């Protein structure tokens, strides 16, 4: 009988070690994956816009200096372009490669955050747009530890926060903005979700005007 009890206790200990649990880094804002918001189909007139590369906040760059790579900033820029294109609500002016490079160097790679509103308007005039869209990646974090059996996996939750602004070229007025923070298993997935949901809010506000 004593042998049976000891075996039972041992089996409980082993099964406890093999269970899966999640411990979340307090630095991560949320732990649940973020759901994408969907805009209704659109077939109306399109606004002529210029898209500037997003800036990177100093706070995010200090915690995660690997974000300062140009390839990371360009990746975000392409996601913004693609997400806006998919809404079917805009016509895009032709990009000026030198302008994009200049903004990327001054706003992303130096972690200066937002391009100023006055600069954005001037860029929009130079490109012949009706409105200019720009913004900032203001939040980034990697957190969480997943324990399965005797193995663990760290930083399996990535959080990305963005704010996207639309400004009228003629009046210089900010006509709408969208802010979103998203959680996902990878940087690219979290970025796409955050940008997509920020654009959803931006367009929802534009359509109410």
C-alpha atoms as a PDB file:
ATOM      1  CA  UNK A   1       0.000   0.000   0.000  1.00  0.00           C
ATOM      2  CA  UNK A   2       2.829   2.389   0.904  1.00  0.00           C
ATOM      3  CA  UNK A   3       4.496   1.684  -2.449  1.00  0.00           C
ATOM      4  CA  UNK A   4       1.240   2.478  -4.274  1.00  0.00           C
ATOM      5  CA  UNK A   5       0.887   5.825  -2.448  1.00  0.00           C
ATOM      6  CA  UNK A   6       4.477   6.804  -3.268  1.00  0.00           C
ATOM      7  CA  UNK A   7       3.937   5.960  -6.939  1.00  0.00           C
ATOM      8  CA  UNK A   8       0.756   8.049  -6.997  1.00  0.00           C
ATOM      9  CA  UNK A   9       2.549  11.070  -5.497  1.00  0.00           C
ATOM     10  CA  UNK A  10       5.411  10.683  -7.980  1.00  0.00           C
ATOM     11  CA  UNK A  11       3.006  10.559 -10.937  1.00  0.00           C
ATOM     12  CA  UNK A  12       1.284  13.753  -9.733  1.00  0.00           C
ATOM     13  CA  UNK A  13       4.637  15.555  -9.475  1.00  0.00           C
ATOM     14  CA  UNK A  14       5.633  14.502 -12.997  1.00  0.00           C
ATOM     15  CA  UNK A  15       2.289  15.527 -14.504  1.00  0.00           C
ATOM     16  CA  UNK A  16       2.592  18.897 -12.756  1.00  0.00           C
ATOM     17  CA  UNK A  17       5.997  19.485 -14.320  1.00  0.00           C
ATOM     18  CA  UNK A  18       4.644  18.689 -17.786  1.00  0.00           C
ATOM     19  CA  UNK A  19       1.758  21.170 -17.646  1.00  0.00           C
ATOM     20  CA  UNK A  20       1.789  24.346 -19.750  1.00  0.00           C
ATOM     21  CA  UNK A  21       1.576  27.771 -18.111  1.00  0.00           C
ATOM     22  CA  UNK A  22       2.136  31.360 -19.165  1.00  0.00           C
ATOM     23  CA  UNK A  23       3.875  34.029 -17.123  1.00  0.00           C
ATOM     24  CA  UNK A  24       3.481  37.506 -18.557  1.00  0.00           C
ATOM     25  CA  UNK A  25       6.173  40.165 -18.405  1.00  0.00           C
ATOM     26  CA  UNK A  26       4.699  43.187 -16.571  1.00  0.00           C
ATOM     27  CA  UNK A  27       6.227  45.346 -19.329  1.00  0.00           C
ATOM     28  CA  UNK A  28       3.835  43.868 -21.902  1.00  0.00           C
ATOM     29  CA  UNK A  29       0.608  45.890 -22.010  1.00  0.00           C
ATOM     30  CA  UNK A  30      -1.708  42.973 -22.916  1.00  0.00           C
ATOM     31  CA  UNK A  31      -1.456  39.223 -23.442  1.00  0.00           C
ATOM     32  CA  UNK A  32      -4.414  38.392 -25.654  1.00  0.00           C
ATOM     33  CA  UNK A  33      -3.988  38.400 -29.447  1.00  0.00           C
ATOM     34  CA  UNK A  34      -5.623  41.415 -31.063  1.00  0.00           C
ATOM     35  CA  UNK A  35      -8.456  40.991 -33.562  1.00  0.00           C
ATOM     36  CA  UNK A  36      -8.463  42.900 -36.853  1.00  0.00           C
ATOM     37  CA  UNK A  37     -11.304  45.368 -37.490  1.00  0.00           C
ATOM     38  CA  UNK A  38     -12.895  45.339 -40.926  1.00  0.00           C
ATOM     39  CA  UNK A  39     -14.091  48.332 -42.933  1.00  0.00           C
ATOM     40  CA  UNK A  40     -17.180  48.034 -45.116  1.00  0.00           C
ATOM     41  CA  UNK A  41     -16.580  47.765 -48.899  1.00  0.00           C
ATOM     42  CA  UNK A  42     -16.177  51.139 -50.618  1.00  0.00           C
ATOM     43  CA  UNK A  43     -16.771  52.225 -54.225  1.00  0.00           C
ATOM     44  CA  UNK A  44     -17.019  56.025 -53.867  1.00  0.00           C
ATOM     45  CA  UNK A  45     -14.634  58.849 -54.839  1.00  0.00           C
ATOM     46  CA  UNK A  46     -11.007  58.556 -53.780  1.00  0.00           C
ATOM     47  CA  UNK A  47      -8.914  61.159 -51.969  1.00  0.00           C
ATOM     48  CA  UNK A  48      -5.476  61.979 -53.388  1.00  0.00           C
ATOM     49  CA  UNK A  49      -2.995  61.413 -50.570  1.00  0.00           C
ATOM     50  CA  UNK A  50       0.732  61.340 -49.925  1.00  0.00           C
ATOM     51  CA  UNK A  51       2.048  58.855 -47.377  1.00  0.00           C
ATOM     52  CA  UNK A  52       5.083  59.695 -45.267  1.00  0.00           C
ATOM     53  CA  UNK A  53       7.149  57.090 -43.405  1.00  0.00           C
ATOM     54  CA  UNK A  54       6.177  56.769 -39.751  1.00  0.00           C
ATOM     55  CA  UNK A  55       8.518  58.017 -37.067  1.00  0.00           C
ATOM     56  CA  UNK A  56       9.822  55.906 -34.178  1.00  0.00           C
ATOM     57  CA  UNK A  57       9.465  57.166 -30.626  1.00  0.00           C
ATOM     58  CA  UNK A  58      12.595  57.695 -28.553  1.00  0.00           C
ATOM     59  CA  UNK A  59      11.126  55.604 -25.747  1.00  0.00           C
ATOM     60  CA  UNK A  60      10.637  52.535 -27.966  1.00  0.00           C
ATOM     61  CA  UNK A  61      14.108  52.916 -29.481  1.00  0.00           C
ATOM     62  CA  UNK A  62      15.796  53.144 -26.074  1.00  0.00           C
ATOM     63  CA  UNK A  63      14.246  49.880 -24.887  1.00  0.00           C
ATOM     64  CA  UNK A  64      14.722  48.062 -28.189  1.00  0.00           C
ATOM     65  CA  UNK A  65      17.593  49.624 -30.198  1.00  0.00           C
ATOM     66  CA  UNK A  66      17.326  46.938 -32.886  1.00  0.00           C
ATOM     67  CA  UNK A  67      14.247  48.802 -34.148  1.00  0.00           C
ATOM     68  CA  UNK A  68      16.493  51.614 -35.439  1.00  0.00           C
ATOM     69  CA  UNK A  69      17.454  49.635 -38.531  1.00  0.00           C
ATOM     70  CA  UNK A  70      16.309  51.230 -41.779  1.00  0.00           C
ATOM     71  CA  UNK A  71      14.869  47.930 -42.982  1.00  0.00           C
ATOM     72  CA  UNK A  72      12.513  47.878 -39.994  1.00  0.00           C
ATOM     73  CA  UNK A  73      11.257  51.399 -40.724  1.00  0.00           C
ATOM     74  CA  UNK A  74      10.800  50.654 -44.426  1.00  0.00           C
ATOM     75  CA  UNK A  75       8.904  47.494 -43.538  1.00  0.00           C
ATOM     76  CA  UNK A  76       6.470  49.557 -41.456  1.00  0.00           C
ATOM     77  CA  UNK A  77       6.132  52.088 -44.295  1.00  0.00           C
ATOM     78  CA  UNK A  78       5.205  49.359 -46.764  1.00  0.00           C
ATOM     79  CA  UNK A  79       2.619  47.918 -44.379  1.00  0.00           C
ATOM     80  CA  UNK A  80       0.995  51.358 -44.068  1.00  0.00           C
ATOM     81  CA  UNK A  81       0.909  51.759 -47.864  1.00  0.00           C
ATOM     82  CA  UNK A  82      -0.579  48.319 -48.399  1.00  0.00           C
ATOM     83  CA  UNK A  83      -3.164  48.705 -45.633  1.00  0.00           C
ATOM     84  CA  UNK A  84      -4.334  52.075 -47.006  1.00  0.00           C
ATOM     85  CA  UNK A  85      -4.423  50.687 -50.555  1.00  0.00           C
ATOM     86  CA  UNK A  86      -6.636  47.812 -49.447  1.00  0.00           C
ATOM     87  CA  UNK A  87      -9.302  50.246 -48.175  1.00  0.00           C
ATOM     88  CA  UNK A  88      -9.972  51.376 -51.794  1.00  0.00           C
ATOM     89  CA  UNK A  89     -10.496  54.938 -50.530  1.00  0.00           C
ATOM     90  CA  UNK A  90      -7.328  56.693 -51.717  1.00  0.00           C
ATOM     91  CA  UNK A  91      -5.282  57.583 -54.780  1.00  0.00           C
ATOM     92  CA  UNK A  92      -1.577  57.775 -54.040  1.00  0.00           C
ATOM     93  CA  UNK A  93       0.774  60.375 -55.447  1.00  0.00           C
ATOM     94  CA  UNK A  94       4.061  59.022 -56.728  1.00  0.00           C
ATOM     95  CA  UNK A  95       6.626  58.627 -53.974  1.00  0.00           C
ATOM     96  CA  UNK A  96       9.764  60.722 -53.986  1.00  0.00           C
ATOM     97  CA  UNK A  97      12.571  58.280 -53.038  1.00  0.00           C
ATOM     98  CA  UNK A  98      14.871  61.033 -51.794  1.00  0.00           C
ATOM     99  CA  UNK A  99      12.119  62.477 -49.604  1.00  0.00           C
ATOM    100  CA  UNK A 100      11.317  59.057 -48.168  1.00  0.00           C
ATOM    101  CA  UNK A 101      15.009  58.465 -47.445  1.00  0.00           C
ATOM    102  CA  UNK A 102      15.361  61.873 -45.773  1.00  0.00           C
ATOM    103  CA  UNK A 103      12.309  61.375 -43.543  1.00  0.00           C
ATOM    104  CA  UNK A 104      13.411  57.845 -42.686  1.00  0.00           C
ATOM    105  CA  UNK A 105      16.833  59.094 -41.588  1.00  0.00           C
ATOM    106  CA  UNK A 106      15.483  61.988 -39.525  1.00  0.00           C
ATOM    107  CA  UNK A 107      12.347  60.485 -38.006  1.00  0.00           C
ATOM    108  CA  UNK A 108      12.885  56.724 -37.747  1.00  0.00           C
ATOM    109  CA  UNK A 109      16.593  56.064 -37.534  1.00  0.00           C
ATOM    110  CA  UNK A 110      17.144  58.962 -35.135  1.00  0.00           C
ATOM    111  CA  UNK A 111      14.023  58.056 -33.089  1.00  0.00           C
ATOM    112  CA  UNK A 112      12.529  61.546 -33.428  1.00  0.00           C
ATOM    113  CA  UNK A 113       8.908  60.385 -33.496  1.00  0.00           C
ATOM    114  CA  UNK A 114       6.360  62.373 -35.491  1.00  0.00           C
ATOM    115  CA  UNK A 115       7.292  64.549 -38.436  1.00  0.00           C
ATOM    116  CA  UNK A 116       6.036  68.034 -37.540  1.00  0.00           C
ATOM    117  CA  UNK A 117       2.629  69.087 -38.842  1.00  0.00           C
ATOM    118  CA  UNK A 118       4.097  72.043 -40.778  1.00  0.00           C
ATOM    119  CA  UNK A 119       6.698  69.812 -42.418  1.00  0.00           C
ATOM    120  CA  UNK A 120       4.023  67.276 -43.321  1.00  0.00           C
ATOM    121  CA  UNK A 121       1.943  69.968 -45.036  1.00  0.00           C
ATOM    122  CA  UNK A 122       4.960  71.218 -46.984  1.00  0.00           C
ATOM    123  CA  UNK A 123       5.765  67.690 -48.119  1.00  0.00           C
ATOM    124  CA  UNK A 124       2.148  67.245 -49.202  1.00  0.00           C
ATOM    125  CA  UNK A 125       2.230  70.450 -51.277  1.00  0.00           C
ATOM    126  CA  UNK A 126       5.463  69.390 -52.975  1.00  0.00           C
ATOM    127  CA  UNK A 127       3.884  66.059 -53.911  1.00  0.00           C
ATOM    128  CA  UNK A 128       0.585  67.542 -55.120  1.00  0.00           C
ATOM    129  CA  UNK A 129      -1.646  65.741 -52.629  1.00  0.00           C
ATOM    130  CA  UNK A 130      -4.982  66.788 -51.130  1.00  0.00           C
ATOM    131  CA  UNK A 131      -4.152  65.210 -47.784  1.00  0.00           C
ATOM    132  CA  UNK A 132      -1.024  63.908 -46.115  1.00  0.00           C
ATOM    133  CA  UNK A 133      -0.897  60.802 -43.911  1.00  0.00           C
ATOM    134  CA  UNK A 134       1.917  60.285 -41.406  1.00  0.00           C
ATOM    135  CA  UNK A 135       2.375  59.028 -37.854  1.00  0.00           C
ATOM    136  CA  UNK A 136       4.497  57.324 -35.224  1.00  0.00           C
ATOM    137  CA  UNK A 137       5.260  53.943 -33.730  1.00  0.00           C
ATOM    138  CA  UNK A 138       4.970  55.044 -30.114  1.00  0.00           C
ATOM    139  CA  UNK A 139       5.035  51.649 -28.382  1.00  0.00           C
ATOM    140  CA  UNK A 140       6.935  48.422 -28.759  1.00  0.00           C
ATOM    141  CA  UNK A 141       7.519  45.604 -26.292  1.00  0.00           C
ATOM    142  CA  UNK A 142       8.468  41.958 -26.170  1.00  0.00           C
ATOM    143  CA  UNK A 143       7.267  39.974 -23.193  1.00  0.00           C
ATOM    144  CA  UNK A 144       5.968  36.800 -21.682  1.00  0.00           C
ATOM    145  CA  UNK A 145       7.408  33.394 -20.954  1.00  0.00           C
ATOM    146  CA  UNK A 146       5.738  30.175 -22.047  1.00  0.00           C
ATOM    147  CA  UNK A 147       6.700  27.074 -20.066  1.00  0.00           C
ATOM    148  CA  UNK A 148       5.922  23.653 -21.496  1.00  0.00           C
ATOM    149  CA  UNK A 149       7.324  20.645 -19.717  1.00  0.00           C
ATOM    150  CA  UNK A 150      10.998  21.335 -19.060  1.00  0.00           C
ATOM    151  CA  UNK A 151      11.311  23.902 -21.889  1.00  0.00           C
ATOM    152  CA  UNK A 152      10.546  27.604 -21.904  1.00  0.00           C
ATOM    153  CA  UNK A 153      10.132  30.183 -24.654  1.00  0.00           C
ATOM    154  CA  UNK A 154      10.612  33.879 -23.873  1.00  0.00           C
ATOM    155  CA  UNK A 155       9.331  36.974 -25.688  1.00  0.00           C
ATOM    156  CA  UNK A 156       6.502  35.162 -27.452  1.00  0.00           C
ATOM    157  CA  UNK A 157       4.187  38.205 -27.202  1.00  0.00           C
ATOM    158  CA  UNK A 158       4.999  41.318 -29.221  1.00  0.00           C
ATOM    159  CA  UNK A 159       3.076  44.556 -28.698  1.00  0.00           C
ATOM    160  CA  UNK A 160       3.172  47.371 -31.251  1.00  0.00           C
ATOM    161  CA  UNK A 161       1.392  50.710 -30.826  1.00  0.00           C
ATOM    162  CA  UNK A 162       0.912  53.215 -33.653  1.00  0.00           C
ATOM    163  CA  UNK A 163      -0.835  56.523 -34.243  1.00  0.00           C
ATOM    164  CA  UNK A 164      -1.674  57.622 -37.783  1.00  0.00           C
ATOM    165  CA  UNK A 165      -2.709  61.199 -38.641  1.00  0.00           C
ATOM    166  CA  UNK A 166      -4.410  62.679 -41.697  1.00  0.00           C
ATOM    167  CA  UNK A 167      -3.887  66.399 -42.343  1.00  0.00           C
ATOM    168  CA  UNK A 168      -5.545  68.601 -44.954  1.00  0.00           C
ATOM    169  CA  UNK A 169      -2.956  70.262 -47.221  1.00  0.00           C
ATOM    170  CA  UNK A 170      -4.970  73.417 -47.917  1.00  0.00           C
ATOM    171  CA  UNK A 171      -6.007  74.249 -44.357  1.00  0.00           C
ATOM    172  CA  UNK A 172      -3.150  72.598 -42.455  1.00  0.00           C
ATOM    173  CA  UNK A 173      -5.768  71.084 -40.150  1.00  0.00           C
ATOM    174  CA  UNK A 174      -5.550  67.601 -38.691  1.00  0.00           C
ATOM    175  CA  UNK A 175      -8.808  66.129 -39.942  1.00  0.00           C
ATOM    176  CA  UNK A 176      -8.589  62.684 -38.334  1.00  0.00           C
ATOM    177  CA  UNK A 177      -6.314  60.308 -36.481  1.00  0.00           C
ATOM    178  CA  UNK A 178      -6.317  56.687 -35.465  1.00  0.00           C
ATOM    179  CA  UNK A 179      -4.469  55.030 -32.591  1.00  0.00           C
ATOM    180  CA  UNK A 180      -4.117  51.321 -31.952  1.00  0.00           C
ATOM    181  CA  UNK A 181      -1.991  48.893 -29.960  1.00  0.00           C
ATOM    182  CA  UNK A 182      -1.899  45.249 -31.028  1.00  0.00           C
ATOM    183  CA  UNK A 183      -0.503  42.005 -29.620  1.00  0.00           C
ATOM    184  CA  UNK A 184       0.645  39.048 -31.692  1.00  0.00           C
ATOM    185  CA  UNK A 185       3.215  36.261 -31.826  1.00  0.00           C
ATOM    186  CA  UNK A 186       5.584  38.180 -34.117  1.00  0.00           C
ATOM    187  CA  UNK A 187       6.700  41.736 -34.867  1.00  0.00           C
ATOM    188  CA  UNK A 188       5.317  41.722 -38.401  1.00  0.00           C
ATOM    189  CA  UNK A 189       1.932  40.359 -37.342  1.00  0.00           C
ATOM    190  CA  UNK A 190       1.580  42.838 -34.467  1.00  0.00           C
ATOM    191  CA  UNK A 191       2.595  45.709 -36.764  1.00  0.00           C
ATOM    192  CA  UNK A 192       0.035  44.756 -39.409  1.00  0.00           C
ATOM    193  CA  UNK A 193      -2.744  44.498 -36.823  1.00  0.00           C
ATOM    194  CA  UNK A 194      -1.876  47.785 -35.112  1.00  0.00           C
ATOM    195  CA  UNK A 195      -1.623  49.671 -38.408  1.00  0.00           C
ATOM    196  CA  UNK A 196      -4.778  48.116 -39.832  1.00  0.00           C
ATOM    197  CA  UNK A 197      -6.819  48.953 -36.732  1.00  0.00           C
ATOM    198  CA  UNK A 198      -5.410  52.496 -36.529  1.00  0.00           C
ATOM    199  CA  UNK A 199      -6.409  53.031 -40.177  1.00  0.00           C
ATOM    200  CA  UNK A 200      -9.870  51.634 -39.407  1.00  0.00           C
ATOM    201  CA  UNK A 201     -10.343  54.307 -36.731  1.00  0.00           C
ATOM    202  CA  UNK A 202      -8.851  57.038 -38.935  1.00  0.00           C
ATOM    203  CA  UNK A 203     -11.199  56.277 -41.840  1.00  0.00           C
ATOM    204  CA  UNK A 204     -14.220  55.880 -39.567  1.00  0.00           C
ATOM    205  CA  UNK A 205     -13.598  59.415 -38.301  1.00  0.00           C
ATOM    206  CA  UNK A 206     -13.001  60.781 -41.804  1.00  0.00           C
ATOM    207  CA  UNK A 207     -16.316  59.356 -42.985  1.00  0.00           C
ATOM    208  CA  UNK A 208     -18.176  61.089 -40.166  1.00  0.00           C
ATOM    209  CA  UNK A 209     -17.018  64.534 -41.318  1.00  0.00           C
END
